[in-house]
Amino acid sequence: MNDTIAALATPAAPAALAVIRISGPESRRITELLLRKPVSWLPQKAWYRELWDGEQKLDDVVLLYWQQPRSYTGEEMVEISCHGNPLLVDRILAAYFSRGVRAALPGEFTQRAFLHGKLDLTQAEAIADLIHAGSLRSLVVAQQMQEGRLGRKLADARAELLELIAHAEAFLDFPDEDIDPEVGEEMLRRIDRLRSELAALAGTAPMGRLLREGITVVLEGPPNVGKSSLFNAILRQNRAIVSPHPGTTRDTIESLCQVAGYPVRLIDTAGRRTAEHPVEAEGVLRAEEAVRSADIVLHVSIASEPPDADVSAPIPLLPHQRLLRIANKSDLGVHPEHRYHLCVSALTREGMPELDQLLAREIAALGPDAAAGGAVNARQEAALRRAIAALDQAADAFRAGLACELWCLELRTALQEVGEITGAVTSEEILDEVFRRFCIGK
């Protein structure tokens, strides 16, 4: 924390501009060593200057100074906007490195911001989610997390826990002062209410996983029902080869898209039938494997055919998976006894808007709405589950009439777990876990 770091904050590729960040106590002084014309270093004021490394001109740049503690990291900080040639960027960084500045590690700027109290750990994690968001809903949820919505809820939970612990420990420390702990139903109500709030936050983890990794939607069914045509229609591009000959699709084909703002990993599969060729048989096997990994399965049939014409029953699904029966080729007619969720035509796009809406409803049903306060990640969920378990133990001990010290110890465990989520209680191991997937320069 006492050294000065630097890194490129924009992609390392040719561009109109590049931004280099320097943060630490020596950022301003070392920048002055590269200037022939001084600047006054007024905070948040830009200067157009030339950077020099001895007698070698580096580039024409714009300097922006951020004064401690009102910078992103909470330290003295200089940002350099230069031409976006990677060779120029490397020369400027080399000039700083030769003067004692160190190359920043992945996520080190954000880690310094956390350590200086500029944000909590949930906000730091949200920054990584914001950078990698692959859909509109992922972006919105990451922005809400970055604003501190989850952190504020957890801060309220910690305050409630501290109040309960303080009351109980006052009774332990001063038993002769007639300070009684809250007893009976009121104490249990407070613990149960707190447990419900934490459980609601933990319940957003499934949707958080889907928003970060994408919802897997697999098209499966017999050959020649138009799975590849439907795949292309959902994507709104010709991604899969379409042919009237059975067995055209012999491997799974994947593509990323958005449905109602959700990130979707769409997979087209080979038609399920008794394969005559070993390559086609492998394709059928991979189709079954894809279905087993799906969040939502679209079993595709032909709309004009009677229900018993589809002899390929859907593959048995796991409890968390959702099945939608889609009848394609509705432009050729719809059988009066059809029993499908929806009839569509990939050719004319009839029913495709309704399919988007149906998919959006099914995706939303996979987990609680994350829009209200963000969606917790795996690390946060694990800590919440441990906190909930400790609260359960505290309530059980209280109901059993055990000593105050025992259930108070469980409340302290819950406080520790909640604190680990926001970073109020942290360790080097937790910080390594949070910042290891950040990009350099952030």
Protein backbone atom coordinates (compact mmCIF):
# COMPACT_ATOMS: atom_id res chain seq x y z
CA MET A 1 0.00 0.00 0.00
CA ASN A 2 3.02 2.32 0.31
CA ASP A 3 4.22 1.78 -3.25
CA THR A 4 2.99 3.33 -6.48
CA ILE A 5 1.40 1.21 -9.18
CA ALA A 6 0.56 1.75 -12.84
CA ALA A 7 -1.34 -0.12 -15.54
CA LEU A 8 -3.22 0.34 -18.78
CA ALA A 9 -6.93 0.78 -17.97
CA THR A 10 -8.20 0.33 -21.54
CA PRO A 11 -7.92 -2.73 -23.85
CA ALA A 12 -4.41 -3.50 -25.08
CA ALA A 13 -5.22 -3.02 -28.76
CA PRO A 14 -4.87 -0.22 -31.32
CA ALA A 15 -7.44 2.50 -30.63
CA ALA A 16 -7.94 6.24 -30.86
CA LEU A 17 -7.09 6.70 -27.18
CA ALA A 18 -5.65 4.71 -24.29
CA VAL A 19 -5.85 5.47 -20.58
CA ILE A 20 -3.01 4.71 -18.17
CA ARG A 21 -3.59 4.83 -14.42
CA ILE A 22 -0.94 5.62 -11.81
CA SER A 23 -1.92 5.37 -8.13
CA GLY A 24 0.14 5.81 -4.98
CA PRO A 25 2.17 8.38 -3.04
CA GLU A 26 4.73 8.88 -5.85
CA SER A 27 2.30 9.16 -8.76
CA ARG A 28 2.45 12.94 -9.08
CA ARG A 29 6.19 13.30 -8.37
CA ILE A 30 7.22 10.68 -10.91
CA THR A 31 4.92 12.17 -13.53
CA GLU A 32 6.70 15.50 -13.02
CA LEU A 33 9.98 13.78 -13.96
CA LEU A 34 8.53 13.11 -17.41
CA LEU A 35 7.36 16.70 -18.00
CA ARG A 36 9.30 19.62 -19.46
CA LYS A 37 6.48 22.05 -18.80
CA PRO A 38 5.12 21.86 -15.21
CA VAL A 39 1.47 21.71 -14.22
CA SER A 40 -0.25 23.19 -11.16
CA TRP A 41 -1.88 19.86 -10.17
CA LEU A 42 -5.28 21.27 -9.42
CA PRO A 43 -7.56 18.32 -8.62
CA GLN A 44 -9.76 17.05 -11.47
CA LYS A 45 -8.32 19.52 -13.95
CA ALA A 46 -6.93 18.37 -17.30
CA TRP A 47 -3.62 19.50 -18.84
CA TYR A 48 -2.34 18.93 -22.36
CA ARG A 49 1.37 18.14 -22.15
CA GLU A 50 4.25 16.28 -23.77
CA LEU A 51 5.77 13.32 -21.92
CA TRP A 52 9.54 12.83 -22.24
CA ASP A 53 11.87 10.04 -21.18
CA GLY A 54 15.19 11.89 -21.11
CA GLU A 55 15.71 13.19 -24.65
CA GLN A 56 13.08 10.89 -26.14
CA LYS A 57 9.57 12.22 -26.60
CA LEU A 58 6.99 9.66 -25.56
CA ASP A 59 3.68 11.19 -26.65
CA ASP A 60 1.32 14.15 -26.49
CA VAL A 61 -1.02 13.38 -23.61
CA VAL A 62 -3.80 14.73 -21.41
CA LEU A 63 -3.13 14.51 -17.66
CA LEU A 64 -5.86 14.31 -15.04
CA TYR A 65 -5.01 14.53 -11.33
CA TRP A 66 -7.07 13.03 -8.50
CA GLN A 67 -6.17 14.18 -5.00
CA GLN A 68 -6.18 11.86 -2.02
CA PRO A 69 -8.70 10.79 -0.72
CA ARG A 70 -11.08 11.84 -3.50
CA SER A 71 -9.85 9.41 -6.09
CA TYR A 72 -11.08 5.98 -7.12
CA THR A 73 -8.44 4.28 -4.99
CA GLY A 74 -8.42 6.84 -2.17
CA GLU A 75 -4.77 7.62 -3.00
CA GLU A 76 -2.93 10.23 -5.04
CA MET A 77 -3.78 9.27 -8.59
CA VAL A 78 -2.88 10.41 -12.11
CA GLU A 79 -4.63 9.32 -15.29
CA ILE A 80 -2.93 9.72 -18.66
CA SER A 81 -4.91 9.79 -21.92
CA CYS A 82 -2.54 9.08 -24.79
CA HIS A 83 -2.75 7.81 -28.35
CA GLY A 84 -3.97 4.23 -28.40
CA ASN A 85 -0.95 2.62 -30.03
CA PRO A 86 0.22 -0.28 -27.82
CA LEU A 87 3.86 0.62 -28.59
CA LEU A 88 3.33 4.11 -27.17
CA VAL A 89 1.59 2.71 -24.12
CA ASP A 90 4.46 0.30 -23.47
CA ARG A 91 7.02 3.13 -23.74
CA ILE A 92 5.11 5.32 -21.27
CA LEU A 93 4.68 2.47 -18.78
CA ALA A 94 8.36 1.54 -19.14
CA ALA A 95 9.31 5.12 -18.26
CA TYR A 96 7.31 4.86 -15.03
CA PHE A 97 8.60 1.38 -14.20
CA SER A 98 12.21 2.51 -14.63
CA ARG A 99 11.57 5.19 -11.99
CA GLY A 100 10.32 2.85 -9.28
CA VAL A 101 6.65 2.42 -10.13
CA ARG A 102 5.37 -1.17 -10.00
CA ALA A 103 3.06 -2.87 -12.48
CA ALA A 104 -0.41 -3.23 -10.95
CA LEU A 105 -1.78 -6.70 -10.25
CA PRO A 106 -5.26 -7.75 -11.50
CA GLY A 107 -7.87 -5.85 -9.50
CA GLU A 108 -5.28 -3.96 -7.45
CA PHE A 109 -6.80 -0.53 -8.07
CA THR A 110 -10.18 -1.76 -6.83
CA GLN A 111 -8.54 -3.61 -3.95
CA ARG A 112 -6.90 -0.37 -2.83
CA ALA A 113 -10.26 1.36 -3.10
CA PHE A 114 -11.73 -1.28 -0.79
CA LEU A 115 -8.85 -1.06 1.69
CA HIS A 116 -9.23 2.73 1.81
CA GLY A 117 -12.96 2.44 2.55
CA LYS A 118 -14.15 3.76 -0.82
CA LEU A 119 -16.42 0.74 -1.30
CA ASP A 120 -17.31 -2.51 0.43
CA LEU A 121 -16.53 -5.99 -0.84
CA THR A 122 -19.95 -6.49 -2.46
CA GLN A 123 -19.42 -3.31 -4.49
CA ALA A 124 -15.92 -4.44 -5.47
CA GLU A 125 -17.30 -7.76 -6.74
CA ALA A 126 -20.05 -5.89 -8.58
CA ILE A 127 -17.41 -3.95 -10.55
CA ALA A 128 -16.10 -7.22 -12.01
CA ASP A 129 -19.68 -8.26 -12.82
CA LEU A 130 -20.30 -4.87 -14.43
CA ILE A 131 -17.28 -5.28 -16.72
CA HIS A 132 -18.21 -8.83 -17.74
CA ALA A 133 -22.01 -8.39 -17.96
CA GLY A 134 -23.23 -10.03 -21.15
CA SER A 135 -26.87 -8.91 -21.10
CA LEU A 136 -29.02 -5.95 -20.14
CA ARG A 137 -30.38 -7.62 -17.01
CA SER A 138 -26.89 -8.67 -15.92
CA LEU A 139 -25.79 -5.07 -16.40
CA VAL A 140 -28.69 -3.64 -14.38
CA VAL A 141 -28.16 -6.08 -11.50
CA ALA A 142 -24.40 -5.36 -11.44
CA GLN A 143 -25.10 -1.60 -11.35
CA GLN A 144 -27.49 -2.03 -8.43
CA MET A 145 -24.90 -4.08 -6.56
CA GLN A 146 -22.25 -1.45 -7.30
CA GLU A 147 -24.55 1.23 -5.87
CA GLY A 148 -24.38 -0.67 -2.58
CA ARG A 149 -27.91 -2.07 -2.31
CA LEU A 150 -26.75 -5.47 -1.09
CA GLY A 151 -24.14 -3.85 1.17
CA ARG A 152 -26.78 -1.66 2.83
CA LYS A 153 -29.04 -4.64 3.50
CA LEU A 154 -26.17 -6.54 5.05
CA ALA A 155 -25.13 -3.49 7.09
CA ASP A 156 -28.67 -3.39 8.52
CA ALA A 157 -28.42 -7.12 9.33
CA ARG A 158 -25.09 -6.58 11.11
CA ALA A 159 -26.56 -3.69 13.11
CA GLU A 160 -29.45 -5.92 14.22
CA LEU A 161 -27.05 -8.70 15.20
CA LEU A 162 -24.83 -6.28 17.12
CA GLU A 163 -27.84 -5.01 19.04
CA LEU A 164 -28.91 -8.53 19.98
CA ILE A 165 -25.38 -9.48 21.01
CA ALA A 166 -24.88 -6.28 23.00
CA HIS A 167 -28.09 -6.85 24.93
CA ALA A 168 -27.17 -10.46 25.69
CA GLU A 169 -23.60 -9.64 26.70
CA ALA A 170 -24.78 -6.83 28.95
CA PHE A 171 -26.70 -9.47 30.88
CA LEU A 172 -23.60 -11.69 31.00
CA ASP A 173 -21.28 -8.89 32.15
CA PHE A 174 -23.61 -7.28 34.67
CA PRO A 175 -25.86 -9.99 36.10
CA ASP A 176 -26.38 -8.01 39.31
CA GLU A 177 -27.63 -4.89 37.53
CA ASP A 178 -30.96 -6.46 36.78
CA ILE A 179 -30.38 -6.20 32.99
CA ASP A 180 -32.38 -9.07 31.56
CA PRO A 181 -31.99 -10.34 28.03
CA GLU A 182 -34.98 -10.11 25.77
CA VAL A 183 -36.94 -13.25 26.43
CA GLY A 184 -39.59 -15.40 24.88
CA GLU A 185 -41.31 -14.65 21.64
CA GLU A 186 -39.78 -11.19 21.05
CA MET A 187 -36.21 -12.54 20.94
CA LEU A 188 -37.24 -15.40 18.67
CA ARG A 189 -39.19 -13.02 16.40
CA ARG A 190 -36.12 -10.86 15.92
CA ILE A 191 -33.92 -13.86 15.15
CA ASP A 192 -36.52 -15.36 12.79
CA ARG A 193 -37.04 -12.05 11.01
CA LEU A 194 -33.30 -11.68 10.50
CA ARG A 195 -33.06 -15.26 9.28
CA SER A 196 -35.84 -14.66 6.74
CA GLU A 197 -34.08 -11.57 5.40
CA LEU A 198 -30.81 -13.44 4.95
CA ALA A 199 -32.61 -16.42 3.40
CA ALA A 200 -34.26 -14.09 0.87
CA LEU A 201 -30.84 -12.76 -0.13
CA ALA A 202 -29.41 -16.28 -0.40
CA GLY A 203 -32.40 -17.21 -2.58
CA THR A 204 -31.20 -14.84 -5.30
CA ALA A 205 -28.09 -17.01 -5.88
CA PRO A 206 -29.65 -19.24 -8.60
CA MET A 207 -30.63 -16.21 -10.67
CA GLY A 208 -27.25 -14.66 -9.96
CA ARG A 209 -25.56 -17.75 -11.40
CA LEU A 210 -27.79 -17.64 -14.47
CA LEU A 211 -27.15 -13.94 -15.05
CA ARG A 212 -23.39 -14.41 -14.76
CA GLU A 213 -23.07 -17.69 -16.68
CA GLY A 214 -26.09 -17.51 -18.98
CA ILE A 215 -29.28 -19.59 -19.14
CA THR A 216 -28.79 -22.79 -21.16
CA VAL A 217 -31.68 -23.39 -23.56
CA VAL A 218 -31.51 -26.61 -25.60
CA LEU A 219 -33.60 -27.46 -28.68
CA GLU A 220 -34.21 -31.20 -29.01
CA GLY A 221 -36.59 -33.59 -30.71
CA PRO A 222 -36.85 -35.88 -33.74
CA PRO A 223 -35.18 -35.10 -37.09
CA ASN A 224 -36.69 -32.71 -39.65
CA VAL A 225 -38.97 -30.81 -37.26
CA GLY A 226 -37.11 -27.56 -37.91
CA LYS A 227 -34.92 -27.33 -34.84
CA SER A 228 -32.11 -25.64 -36.77
CA SER A 229 -34.55 -23.25 -38.44
CA LEU A 230 -36.00 -22.39 -35.03
CA PHE A 231 -32.46 -21.99 -33.65
CA ASN A 232 -31.71 -19.46 -36.42
CA ALA A 233 -35.04 -17.69 -35.88
CA ILE A 234 -34.39 -17.20 -32.17
CA LEU A 235 -30.90 -15.89 -32.93
CA ARG A 236 -32.21 -13.79 -35.85
CA GLN A 237 -29.27 -14.98 -37.96
CA ASN A 238 -28.41 -18.01 -40.07
CA ARG A 239 -26.08 -19.75 -37.64
CA ALA A 240 -27.04 -23.41 -38.23
CA ILE A 241 -27.21 -25.24 -41.58
CA VAL A 242 -30.80 -26.01 -42.59
CA SER A 243 -31.57 -28.98 -44.85
CA PRO A 244 -34.57 -31.27 -45.52
CA HIS A 245 -32.29 -34.31 -45.19
CA PRO A 246 -32.36 -36.12 -41.82
CA GLY A 247 -29.09 -36.10 -39.91
CA THR A 248 -27.86 -32.73 -41.22
CA THR A 249 -27.06 -31.59 -37.69
CA ARG A 250 -24.59 -34.10 -36.28
CA ASP A 251 -23.10 -32.11 -33.44
CA THR A 252 -24.35 -29.57 -30.95
CA ILE A 253 -24.21 -25.98 -32.19
CA GLU A 254 -24.05 -23.21 -29.60
CA SER A 255 -24.53 -19.47 -29.74
CA LEU A 256 -25.03 -16.66 -27.23
CA CYS A 257 -28.00 -14.33 -27.41
CA GLN A 258 -30.36 -12.31 -25.24
CA VAL A 259 -33.99 -13.08 -24.48
CA ALA A 260 -35.87 -10.24 -22.75
CA GLY A 261 -32.51 -8.96 -21.54
CA TYR A 262 -31.42 -12.32 -20.06
CA PRO A 263 -28.15 -13.90 -21.28
CA VAL A 264 -28.96 -17.15 -23.08
CA ARG A 265 -26.69 -19.94 -24.28
CA LEU A 266 -28.77 -21.48 -27.06
CA ILE A 267 -27.89 -25.03 -28.19
CA ASP A 268 -29.15 -26.82 -31.31
CA THR A 269 -28.86 -30.62 -31.24
CA ALA A 270 -29.01 -33.56 -33.61
CA GLY A 271 -32.41 -35.16 -34.19
CA ARG A 272 -33.01 -38.08 -31.84
CA ARG A 273 -33.52 -41.31 -33.75
CA THR A 274 -31.82 -44.67 -34.28
CA ALA A 275 -28.65 -43.57 -36.06
CA GLU A 276 -27.18 -45.61 -38.90
CA HIS A 277 -23.82 -43.84 -38.98
CA PRO A 278 -21.39 -43.76 -36.02
CA VAL A 279 -20.89 -39.99 -36.40
CA GLU A 280 -24.63 -39.41 -36.30
CA ALA A 281 -24.90 -41.74 -33.28
CA GLU A 282 -22.32 -39.61 -31.49
CA GLY A 283 -24.40 -36.54 -32.35
CA VAL A 284 -27.50 -38.12 -30.79
CA LEU A 285 -25.48 -38.97 -27.66
CA ARG A 286 -24.25 -35.38 -27.42
CA ALA A 287 -27.82 -34.15 -27.80
CA GLU A 288 -28.83 -36.17 -24.74
CA GLU A 289 -25.84 -34.80 -22.79
CA ALA A 290 -26.82 -31.24 -23.77
CA VAL A 291 -30.36 -31.80 -22.52
CA ARG A 292 -29.06 -33.00 -19.16
CA SER A 293 -27.09 -29.74 -18.78
CA ALA A 294 -29.99 -27.48 -19.80
CA ASP A 295 -31.96 -25.06 -17.69
CA ILE A 296 -34.79 -24.98 -20.23
CA VAL A 297 -35.50 -27.65 -22.88
CA LEU A 298 -37.49 -26.86 -26.01
CA HIS A 299 -38.92 -30.15 -27.31
CA VAL A 300 -39.76 -29.38 -30.95
CA SER A 301 -42.43 -31.17 -33.02
CA ILE A 302 -44.40 -30.41 -36.19
CA ALA A 303 -47.62 -28.42 -35.68
CA SER A 304 -49.66 -30.08 -38.44
CA GLU A 305 -49.01 -33.62 -37.26
CA PRO A 306 -51.15 -35.42 -34.63
CA PRO A 307 -49.67 -35.58 -31.12
CA ASP A 308 -48.91 -39.32 -31.41
CA ALA A 309 -46.78 -38.72 -34.54
CA ASP A 310 -43.90 -37.57 -32.33
CA VAL A 311 -42.52 -40.88 -31.10
CA SER A 312 -39.44 -39.28 -29.47
CA ALA A 313 -40.66 -38.61 -25.96
CA PRO A 314 -38.74 -35.82 -24.20
CA ILE A 315 -35.68 -36.95 -22.26
CA PRO A 316 -36.51 -37.21 -18.52
CA LEU A 317 -35.51 -33.98 -16.80
CA LEU A 318 -34.19 -33.08 -13.39
CA PRO A 319 -36.49 -31.22 -10.94
CA HIS A 320 -34.90 -27.81 -11.60
CA GLN A 321 -35.17 -28.13 -15.40
CA ARG A 322 -38.14 -26.74 -17.31
CA LEU A 323 -39.70 -28.28 -20.42
CA LEU A 324 -41.52 -26.39 -23.18
CA ARG A 325 -43.26 -28.27 -26.01
CA ILE A 326 -42.98 -26.18 -29.16
CA ALA A 327 -44.72 -27.05 -32.43
CA ASN A 328 -42.88 -25.67 -35.45
CA LYS A 329 -44.01 -25.23 -39.10
CA SER A 330 -47.39 -23.79 -38.15
CA ASP A 331 -47.50 -22.19 -41.63
CA LEU A 332 -48.35 -25.71 -42.90
CA GLY A 333 -51.32 -25.90 -40.54
CA VAL A 334 -52.00 -26.81 -36.92
CA HIS A 335 -53.50 -30.15 -35.91
CA PRO A 336 -56.78 -29.63 -33.99
CA GLU A 337 -55.65 -31.97 -31.20
CA HIS A 338 -52.26 -30.36 -30.62
CA ARG A 339 -51.14 -30.24 -27.01
CA TYR A 340 -48.18 -27.88 -27.22
CA HIS A 341 -47.24 -24.84 -25.20
CA LEU A 342 -46.92 -22.81 -28.39
CA CYS A 343 -47.16 -23.17 -32.17
CA VAL A 344 -44.69 -21.19 -34.26
CA SER A 345 -43.29 -20.91 -37.74
CA ALA A 346 -39.56 -20.36 -38.01
CA LEU A 347 -40.11 -19.64 -41.72
CA THR A 348 -42.72 -16.86 -41.41
CA ARG A 349 -41.78 -15.90 -37.82
CA GLU A 350 -45.41 -16.43 -36.77
CA GLY A 351 -45.45 -16.94 -32.99
CA MET A 352 -41.79 -15.96 -32.49
CA PRO A 353 -42.58 -12.87 -30.35
CA GLU A 354 -44.78 -15.10 -28.19
CA LEU A 355 -41.92 -17.62 -27.91
CA ASP A 356 -39.62 -14.85 -26.66
CA GLN A 357 -42.25 -13.92 -24.04
CA LEU A 358 -42.72 -17.57 -23.04
CA LEU A 359 -38.96 -18.05 -22.65
CA ALA A 360 -38.73 -14.85 -20.60
CA ARG A 361 -41.43 -16.11 -18.20
CA GLU A 362 -39.75 -19.50 -17.85
CA ILE A 363 -36.36 -17.89 -17.23
CA ALA A 364 -37.84 -15.59 -14.60
CA ALA A 365 -39.36 -18.66 -12.89
CA LEU A 366 -35.89 -20.23 -12.50
CA GLY A 367 -35.11 -17.98 -9.53
CA PRO A 368 -36.34 -15.01 -7.49
CA ASP A 369 -36.23 -11.62 -9.16
CA ALA A 370 -32.79 -10.15 -8.64
CA ALA A 371 -33.69 -6.63 -9.69
CA ALA A 372 -34.69 -5.39 -6.25
CA GLY A 373 -31.25 -5.53 -4.68
CA GLY A 374 -28.91 -7.60 -6.77
CA ALA A 375 -28.11 -11.28 -6.97
CA VAL A 376 -25.55 -12.82 -4.65
CA ASN A 377 -22.64 -14.85 -6.00
CA ALA A 378 -21.38 -18.25 -4.81
CA ARG A 379 -19.04 -16.79 -2.17
CA GLN A 380 -21.74 -14.55 -0.75
CA GLU A 381 -24.34 -17.33 -0.78
CA ALA A 382 -22.03 -19.69 1.13
CA ALA A 383 -21.46 -17.08 3.85
CA LEU A 384 -25.20 -16.36 4.03
CA ARG A 385 -25.98 -20.06 4.43
CA ARG A 386 -23.48 -20.32 7.27
CA ALA A 387 -25.01 -17.25 8.93
CA ILE A 388 -28.50 -18.73 8.58
CA ALA A 389 -27.33 -22.02 10.11
CA ALA A 390 -25.85 -20.10 13.06
CA LEU A 391 -29.13 -18.22 13.57
CA ASP A 392 -30.99 -21.54 13.52
CA GLN A 393 -28.64 -22.85 16.20
CA ALA A 394 -29.15 -19.70 18.26
CA ALA A 395 -32.94 -20.01 18.06
CA ASP A 396 -32.83 -23.71 18.96
CA ALA A 397 -30.57 -23.01 21.94
CA PHE A 398 -32.87 -20.23 23.09
CA ARG A 399 -35.98 -22.42 22.81
CA ALA A 400 -34.22 -25.21 24.71
CA GLY A 401 -33.47 -22.82 27.56
CA LEU A 402 -29.71 -23.26 27.27
CA ALA A 403 -27.27 -20.81 28.78
CA CYS A 404 -27.17 -17.33 27.32
CA GLU A 405 -23.48 -17.82 26.46
CA LEU A 406 -24.32 -20.60 24.00
CA TRP A 407 -26.85 -18.82 21.81
CA CYS A 408 -24.87 -15.59 22.06
CA LEU A 409 -21.88 -17.47 20.60
CA GLU A 410 -24.03 -18.51 17.62
CA LEU A 411 -25.11 -14.91 17.07
CA ARG A 412 -21.44 -13.92 17.00
CA THR A 413 -20.81 -16.60 14.37
CA ALA A 414 -23.63 -15.14 12.24
CA LEU A 415 -22.13 -11.67 12.69
CA GLN A 416 -18.74 -12.96 11.50
CA GLU A 417 -20.24 -14.56 8.38
CA VAL A 418 -22.25 -11.48 7.40
CA GLY A 419 -19.16 -9.33 7.95
CA GLU A 420 -17.15 -11.51 5.57
CA ILE A 421 -19.57 -10.72 2.75
CA THR A 422 -19.10 -6.95 2.95
CA GLY A 423 -15.48 -7.04 4.08
CA ALA A 424 -16.21 -5.69 7.55
CA VAL A 425 -14.43 -8.87 8.62
CA THR A 426 -11.95 -10.10 6.06
CA SER A 427 -8.79 -12.08 5.43
CA GLU A 428 -6.12 -12.26 2.76
CA GLU A 429 -7.67 -15.50 1.48
CA ILE A 430 -11.06 -13.81 0.93
CA LEU A 431 -9.46 -10.85 -0.84
CA ASP A 432 -7.53 -13.20 -3.13
CA GLU A 433 -10.77 -14.97 -4.01
CA VAL A 434 -12.56 -11.71 -4.82
CA PHE A 435 -9.89 -9.99 -6.89
CA ARG A 436 -8.27 -12.88 -8.75
CA ARG A 437 -10.71 -12.63 -11.70
CA PHE A 438 -10.39 -8.87 -12.17
CA CYS A 439 -8.66 -7.49 -15.23
CA ILE A 440 -5.40 -5.55 -14.87
CA GLY A 441 -5.99 -1.81 -14.68
CA LYS A 442 -9.21 -2.04 -12.66
